[in-house]
C-alpha atoms as a PDB file:
ATOM      1  CA  MET A   1      -8.520   9.278 -14.383  1.00  0.00           C
ATOM      2  CA  HIS A   2      -7.435   5.657 -14.723  1.00  0.00           C
ATOM      3  CA  LEU A   3      -3.975   6.780 -15.772  1.00  0.00           C
ATOM      4  CA  LEU A   4      -3.421   8.663 -12.513  1.00  0.00           C
ATOM      5  CA  GLU A   5      -4.776   5.740 -10.501  1.00  0.00           C
ATOM      6  CA  GLY A   6      -2.112   3.487 -11.976  1.00  0.00           C
ATOM      7  CA  PHE A   7       0.527   6.153 -11.450  1.00  0.00           C
ATOM      8  CA  ALA A   8      -0.497   6.481  -7.799  1.00  0.00           C
ATOM      9  CA  HIS A   9       0.423   2.806  -7.373  1.00  0.00           C
ATOM     10  CA  GLY A  10       3.819   3.353  -8.990  1.00  0.00           C
ATOM     11  CA  ARG A  11       2.882   1.787 -12.306  1.00  0.00           C
ATOM     12  CA  PRO A  12       4.220   3.326 -15.501  1.00  0.00           C
ATOM     13  CA  ALA A  13       1.926   3.273 -18.518  1.00  0.00           C
ATOM     14  CA  ILE A  14       2.055   2.377 -22.163  1.00  0.00           C
ATOM     15  CA  ALA A  15      -0.480   4.633 -23.835  1.00  0.00           C
ATOM     16  CA  THR A  16      -1.397   6.209 -27.144  1.00  0.00           C
ATOM     17  CA  GLU A  17      -0.335   9.756 -27.918  1.00  0.00           C
ATOM     18  CA  LEU A  18      -3.895  11.051 -27.513  1.00  0.00           C
ATOM     19  CA  GLY A  19      -5.879  13.154 -25.080  1.00  0.00           C
ATOM     20  CA  GLU A  20      -5.131  12.902 -21.374  1.00  0.00           C
ATOM     21  CA  GLN A  21      -2.156  10.607 -21.883  1.00  0.00           C
ATOM     22  CA  ARG A  22      -0.375  13.061 -24.159  1.00  0.00           C
ATOM     23  CA  GLU A  23      -1.201  16.015 -21.908  1.00  0.00           C
ATOM     24  CA  LEU A  24      -0.273  14.378 -18.625  1.00  0.00           C
ATOM     25  CA  MET A  25       2.615  12.006 -19.105  1.00  0.00           C
ATOM     26  CA  ARG A  26       6.040  12.520 -20.592  1.00  0.00           C
ATOM     27  CA  ASP A  27       7.271   9.765 -22.902  1.00  0.00           C
ATOM     28  CA  GLY A  28      10.150   7.864 -21.318  1.00  0.00           C
ATOM     29  CA  ARG A  29       9.629   9.490 -17.917  1.00  0.00           C
ATOM     30  CA  HIS A  30       6.222   8.271 -16.701  1.00  0.00           C
ATOM     31  CA  GLY A  31       5.757   5.532 -19.275  1.00  0.00           C
ATOM     32  CA  LEU A  32       5.887   5.045 -23.009  1.00  0.00           C
ATOM     33  CA  LEU A  33       3.708   6.754 -25.602  1.00  0.00           C
ATOM     34  CA  VAL A  34       2.955   5.144 -28.957  1.00  0.00           C
ATOM     35  CA  PRO A  35       1.178   6.484 -32.041  1.00  0.00           C
ATOM     36  CA  PRO A  36      -2.504   5.507 -32.283  1.00  0.00           C
ATOM     37  CA  GLY A  37      -3.053   2.395 -34.371  1.00  0.00           C
ATOM     38  CA  ASP A  38       0.656   1.544 -34.579  1.00  0.00           C
ATOM     39  CA  GLU A  39       0.676  -2.104 -33.509  1.00  0.00           C
ATOM     40  CA  ALA A  40       4.420  -2.480 -34.098  1.00  0.00           C
ATOM     41  CA  ALA A  41       5.167   0.503 -31.834  1.00  0.00           C
ATOM     42  CA  LEU A  42       2.853  -0.903 -29.166  1.00  0.00           C
ATOM     43  CA  ALA A  43       4.523  -4.307 -29.333  1.00  0.00           C
ATOM     44  CA  GLY A  44       7.952  -2.667 -29.172  1.00  0.00           C
ATOM     45  CA  ALA A  45       6.971  -0.613 -26.143  1.00  0.00           C
ATOM     46  CA  MET A  46       5.608  -3.694 -24.392  1.00  0.00           C
ATOM     47  CA  LEU A  47       8.788  -5.650 -25.082  1.00  0.00           C
ATOM     48  CA  ARG A  48      10.980  -2.763 -23.942  1.00  0.00           C
ATOM     49  CA  MET A  49       9.021  -2.338 -20.712  1.00  0.00           C
ATOM     50  CA  ALA A  50       8.983  -6.090 -20.017  1.00  0.00           C
ATOM     51  CA  ALA A  51      12.719  -6.466 -20.610  1.00  0.00           C
ATOM     52  CA  ASP A  52      13.972  -3.523 -18.556  1.00  0.00           C
ATOM     53  CA  GLY A  53      13.168  -3.703 -14.862  1.00  0.00           C
ATOM     54  CA  SER A  54      15.230  -0.640 -13.989  1.00  0.00           C
ATOM     55  CA  LEU A  55      13.351   1.390 -16.602  1.00  0.00           C
ATOM     56  CA  ARG A  56      10.015   0.208 -15.170  1.00  0.00           C
ATOM     57  CA  GLU A  57      11.170   1.095 -11.656  1.00  0.00           C
ATOM     58  CA  ALA A  58      12.388   4.582 -12.614  1.00  0.00           C
ATOM     59  CA  MET A  59       9.257   5.366 -14.622  1.00  0.00           C
ATOM     60  CA  GLY A  60       7.066   3.980 -11.827  1.00  0.00           C
ATOM     61  CA  GLN A  61       8.712   6.268  -9.270  1.00  0.00           C
ATOM     62  CA  ALA A  62       8.309   9.292 -11.546  1.00  0.00           C
ATOM     63  CA  ALA A  63       4.691   8.316 -12.226  1.00  0.00           C
ATOM     64  CA  ALA A  64       3.940   8.031  -8.487  1.00  0.00           C
ATOM     65  CA  ALA A  65       5.470  11.457  -7.872  1.00  0.00           C
ATOM     66  CA  LEU A  66       3.371  12.927 -10.678  1.00  0.00           C
ATOM     67  CA  ALA A  67       0.199  11.372  -9.250  1.00  0.00           C
ATOM     68  CA  GLN A  68       1.006  12.882  -5.841  1.00  0.00           C
ATOM     69  CA  ARG A  69       1.413  16.353  -7.375  1.00  0.00           C
ATOM     70  CA  CYS A  70      -1.914  15.951  -9.179  1.00  0.00           C
ATOM     71  CA  SER A  71      -3.807  14.660  -6.138  1.00  0.00           C
ATOM     72  CA  VAL A  72      -6.932  16.347  -4.834  1.00  0.00           C
ATOM     73  CA  SER A  73      -5.271  16.960  -1.467  1.00  0.00           C
ATOM     74  CA  GLU A  74      -2.250  18.644  -3.097  1.00  0.00           C
ATOM     75  CA  ASN A  75      -4.481  20.823  -5.255  1.00  0.00           C
ATOM     76  CA  ALA A  76      -6.536  21.751  -2.174  1.00  0.00           C
ATOM     77  CA  ARG A  77      -3.360  22.616  -0.260  1.00  0.00           C
ATOM     78  CA  GLN A  78      -2.182  24.910  -3.055  1.00  0.00           C
ATOM     79  CA  LEU A  79      -5.574  26.619  -3.369  1.00  0.00           C
ATOM     80  CA  THR A  80      -5.830  27.100   0.396  1.00  0.00           C
ATOM     81  CA  SER A  81      -2.387  28.705   0.424  1.00  0.00           C
ATOM     82  CA  LEU A  82      -3.364  30.972  -2.463  1.00  0.00           C
ATOM     83  CA  TYR A  83      -6.637  32.053  -0.822  1.00  0.00           C
ATOM     84  CA  GLN A  84      -4.913  32.703   2.504  1.00  0.00           C
ATOM     85  CA  ALA A  85      -2.314  34.872   0.803  1.00  0.00           C
ATOM     86  CA  LEU A  86      -4.971  36.805  -1.092  1.00  0.00           C
ATOM     87  CA  ALA A  87      -7.067  37.291   2.041  1.00  0.00           C
ATOM     88  CA  ALA A  88      -4.014  38.640   3.867  1.00  0.00           C
ATOM     89  CA  GLY A  89      -3.336  41.049   1.000  1.00  0.00           C
ATOM     90  CA  ARG A  90      -0.084  39.387   0.039  1.00  0.00           C
ATOM     91  CA  THR A  91       1.042  38.484  -3.417  1.00  0.00           C
ATOM     92  CA  ALA A  92       0.859  34.727  -3.644  1.00  0.00           C
ATOM     93  CA  GLU A  93       3.329  32.436  -5.320  1.00  0.00           C
ATOM     94  CA  PRO A  94       1.898  31.288  -8.649  1.00  0.00           C
ATOM     95  CA  VAL A  95       0.042  28.001  -8.434  1.00  0.00           C
ATOM     96  CA  ALA A  96       1.930  25.415 -10.447  1.00  0.00           C
ATOM     97  CA  VAL A  97       0.245  23.930 -13.474  1.00  0.00           C
ATOM     98  CA  GLN A  98      -0.267  20.258 -12.712  1.00  0.00           C
ATOM     99  CA  GLY A  99       1.155  17.479 -14.819  1.00  0.00           C
ATOM    100  CA  ARG A 100       4.134  16.783 -17.067  1.00  0.00           C
ATOM    101  CA  ALA A 101       6.771  17.571 -14.468  1.00  0.00           C
END
């Protein structure tokens, strides 16, 4: 959950290629992913992020957009739309799988 909190504030992440990070974020789009235990890769990612303000800005914007799509209110809106369509006997649009867009 901490990853999405940072994203919601427009902050890209540097994270290991494990668990939630690997499932949620796309390397180079929402932040930078590094192999677990690879100190050189982590240092390189930190230097790259620190040196490139336009990269940070672009990744931060993409991260904020991802956090918005994954928000509780957006998920509730999609579910409400689905339930309303089902109750009316209509075929609903598929609910998008959240993350990695």
